Amino acid sequence: MENENEETQETQNTQGTPETLEAIKAQLEDEKKAKAAAEAALAEKAARITELEASLSEAKQGSEAAAAELVQVKEAKDQAMAKYLGMAKALNPAIPEGIIAGETIEQIDTSIEKGKTIVESVKKAMEAEASQAKVPAGAPTRGEISFEGLSPREKIAAGIQQKGGTQ
């Protein structure tokens, strides 16, 4: 009998009461729903990661294209600035080449203005110098030789030379 009691208790312990079984079934169903929800969320996140990686790849390609275009634009700008600088030098021959310089249009224009100012001030200084040291045009008129300060012998020699004589 003891064995029968033990078996009955074991059967009741392993089978449990109907309430316990219902609670366990409900818990199992809840866990299955939670697992399904977690798997769905994980699948959604994996899809989002794939979508973001594709967007990142597109952004990288766009960035590389923009960088290449920027390099081309910079090269074109440098060529245009070199041409502008050459034209500025050609159009202002009075300004020494070393004065006209710059990497932007504004810098080149500023250097041209400075060069013009320098050229004008040099012209004015040269004109002022030229007006102070006036030299008459042509050869000066010949005047008589001054015999002052000559010895009598030198005076006689100068007189003989004027007449075409010899010494």
Protein backbone atom coordinates (compact mmCIF):
# COMPACT_ATOMS: atom_id res chain seq x y z
CA MET A 1 0.00 0.00 0.00
CA GLU A 2 2.75 2.23 0.63
CA ASN A 3 3.86 1.77 -2.90
CA GLU A 4 0.43 2.63 -4.19
CA ASN A 5 0.32 5.83 -2.15
CA GLU A 6 3.72 6.82 -3.42
CA GLU A 7 2.71 6.15 -7.02
CA THR A 8 -0.46 8.17 -6.62
CA GLN A 9 1.48 11.07 -5.18
CA GLU A 10 4.06 10.89 -7.94
CA THR A 11 1.34 10.81 -10.58
CA GLN A 12 -0.35 13.80 -9.03
CA ASN A 13 2.99 15.66 -8.74
CA THR A 14 3.97 15.03 -12.37
CA GLN A 15 0.54 15.69 -13.78
CA GLY A 16 -0.23 18.55 -11.47
CA THR A 17 -3.56 19.98 -10.82
CA PRO A 18 -5.70 21.27 -13.63
CA GLU A 19 -5.23 24.84 -12.40
CA THR A 20 -1.46 24.48 -12.40
CA LEU A 21 -1.55 23.00 -15.86
CA GLU A 22 -3.70 25.86 -17.13
CA ALA A 23 -1.29 28.40 -15.59
CA ILE A 24 1.67 26.64 -17.18
CA LYS A 25 -0.10 26.49 -20.55
CA ALA A 26 -0.95 30.19 -20.30
CA GLN A 27 2.64 31.01 -19.40
CA LEU A 28 3.87 28.86 -22.29
CA GLU A 29 1.52 30.66 -24.68
CA ASP A 30 2.72 34.04 -23.37
CA GLU A 31 6.34 33.01 -23.86
CA LYS A 32 5.57 31.76 -27.38
CA LYS A 33 3.91 35.12 -28.17
CA ALA A 34 6.87 37.00 -26.66
CA LYS A 35 9.29 34.84 -28.66
CA ALA A 36 7.30 35.46 -31.85
CA ALA A 37 7.22 39.19 -31.13
CA ALA A 38 10.99 39.22 -30.46
CA GLU A 39 11.67 37.31 -33.67
CA ALA A 40 9.44 39.72 -35.61
CA ALA A 41 11.23 42.70 -34.07
CA LEU A 42 14.60 41.12 -34.83
CA ALA A 43 13.55 40.48 -38.46
CA GLU A 44 12.31 44.08 -38.70
CA LYS A 45 15.60 45.38 -37.29
CA ALA A 46 17.59 43.19 -39.70
CA ALA A 47 15.56 44.59 -42.60
CA ARG A 48 16.15 48.14 -41.33
CA ILE A 49 19.90 47.45 -41.02
CA THR A 50 19.97 46.19 -44.60
CA GLU A 51 18.06 49.28 -45.71
CA LEU A 52 20.45 51.60 -43.83
CA GLU A 53 23.51 49.82 -45.24
CA ALA A 54 22.11 50.33 -48.75
CA SER A 55 21.52 54.01 -47.98
CA LEU A 56 25.06 54.32 -46.63
CA SER A 57 26.46 52.73 -49.77
CA GLU A 58 24.50 55.17 -51.93
CA ALA A 59 25.67 58.08 -49.78
CA LYS A 60 29.30 56.97 -50.14
CA GLN A 61 28.92 56.77 -53.90
CA GLY A 62 27.31 60.20 -53.95
CA SER A 63 30.07 61.58 -51.75
CA GLU A 64 32.77 60.15 -54.01
CA ALA A 65 31.04 61.61 -57.07
CA ALA A 66 30.76 64.99 -55.35
CA ALA A 67 34.44 64.87 -54.38
CA ALA A 68 35.43 64.09 -57.98
CA GLU A 69 33.24 66.92 -59.24
CA LEU A 70 34.77 69.28 -56.67
CA VAL A 71 38.26 68.40 -57.92
CA GLN A 72 37.18 69.18 -61.48
CA VAL A 73 35.64 72.48 -60.41
CA LYS A 74 38.82 73.46 -58.55
CA GLU A 75 40.95 72.64 -61.59
CA ALA A 76 38.66 74.69 -63.83
CA LYS A 77 38.79 77.58 -61.33
CA ASP A 78 42.59 77.45 -61.22
CA GLN A 79 42.77 77.50 -65.03
CA ALA A 80 40.34 80.42 -65.20
CA MET A 81 42.31 82.35 -62.56
CA ALA A 82 45.57 81.75 -64.46
CA LYS A 83 43.95 83.07 -67.64
CA TYR A 84 42.53 86.08 -65.80
CA LEU A 85 45.95 86.82 -64.31
CA GLY A 86 47.56 86.58 -67.75
CA MET A 87 44.94 88.90 -69.24
CA ALA A 88 45.37 91.38 -66.40
CA LYS A 89 49.13 91.47 -67.02
CA ALA A 90 48.62 91.85 -70.77
CA LEU A 91 46.11 94.68 -70.35
CA ASN A 92 48.38 96.58 -67.94
CA PRO A 93 51.83 96.57 -69.56
CA ALA A 94 52.94 99.65 -67.62
CA ILE A 95 52.69 97.73 -64.36
CA PRO A 96 55.67 95.43 -63.65
CA GLU A 97 54.69 91.73 -63.73
CA GLY A 98 55.79 91.02 -60.17
CA ILE A 99 53.26 93.49 -58.81
CA ILE A 100 50.20 91.87 -60.41
CA ALA A 101 49.50 88.70 -58.42
CA GLY A 102 46.79 86.89 -56.51
CA GLU A 103 44.71 83.73 -56.34
CA THR A 104 41.28 85.35 -56.50
CA ILE A 105 39.77 87.97 -58.76
CA GLU A 106 39.60 90.42 -55.86
CA GLN A 107 43.29 89.93 -55.03
CA ILE A 108 44.32 90.40 -58.65
CA ASP A 109 42.15 93.53 -59.01
CA THR A 110 43.60 94.93 -55.79
CA SER A 111 47.16 94.32 -57.02
CA ILE A 112 46.32 96.05 -60.32
CA GLU A 113 45.05 99.10 -58.43
CA LYS A 114 48.20 99.15 -56.28
CA GLY A 115 50.32 98.81 -59.42
CA LYS A 116 48.53 101.71 -61.08
CA THR A 117 49.10 103.83 -57.99
CA ILE A 118 52.82 102.96 -57.99
CA VAL A 119 53.17 103.70 -61.73
CA GLU A 120 51.45 107.08 -61.32
CA SER A 121 53.65 108.08 -58.39
CA VAL A 122 56.79 107.05 -60.31
CA LYS A 123 55.64 109.05 -63.37
CA LYS A 124 55.03 112.12 -61.25
CA ALA A 125 58.41 111.80 -59.58
CA MET A 126 60.17 111.43 -62.94
CA GLU A 127 58.30 114.40 -64.42
CA ALA A 128 59.23 116.53 -61.43
CA GLU A 129 62.85 115.49 -61.79
CA ALA A 130 62.81 116.17 -65.51
CA SER A 131 61.31 119.63 -65.09
CA GLN A 132 64.00 120.60 -62.57
CA ALA A 133 66.89 119.62 -64.81
CA LYS A 134 65.91 121.41 -68.04
CA VAL A 135 68.47 121.01 -70.80
CA PRO A 136 68.07 123.22 -73.84
CA ALA A 137 67.54 121.44 -77.11
CA GLY A 138 70.39 121.49 -79.63
CA ALA A 139 74.02 122.42 -79.25
CA PRO A 140 74.98 125.52 -77.33
CA THR A 141 76.12 128.57 -79.32
CA ARG A 142 79.83 129.01 -79.66
CA GLY A 143 81.22 131.90 -77.92
CA GLU A 144 84.66 133.34 -77.82
CA ILE A 145 87.24 131.57 -75.80
CA SER A 146 87.95 133.28 -72.55
CA PHE A 147 91.59 134.11 -72.12
CA GLU A 148 91.27 135.02 -68.51
CA GLY A 149 93.62 133.18 -66.26
CA LEU A 150 95.97 132.18 -69.09
CA SER A 151 99.63 133.05 -69.12
CA PRO A 152 100.92 135.23 -71.97
CA ARG A 153 102.54 132.24 -73.61
CA GLU A 154 99.22 130.27 -73.51
CA LYS A 155 97.40 133.25 -74.94
CA ILE A 156 99.81 133.42 -77.88
CA ALA A 157 99.46 129.66 -78.49
CA ALA A 158 95.65 129.87 -78.43
CA GLY A 159 95.70 132.76 -80.88
CA ILE A 160 97.96 130.92 -83.31
CA GLN A 161 95.71 127.84 -83.20
CA GLN A 162 92.60 129.88 -83.99
CA LYS A 163 94.20 131.26 -87.10
CA GLY A 164 95.23 127.85 -88.29
CA GLY A 165 98.88 128.18 -87.57
CA THR A 166 101.25 125.73 -86.01
CA GLN A 167 103.06 125.86 -82.78
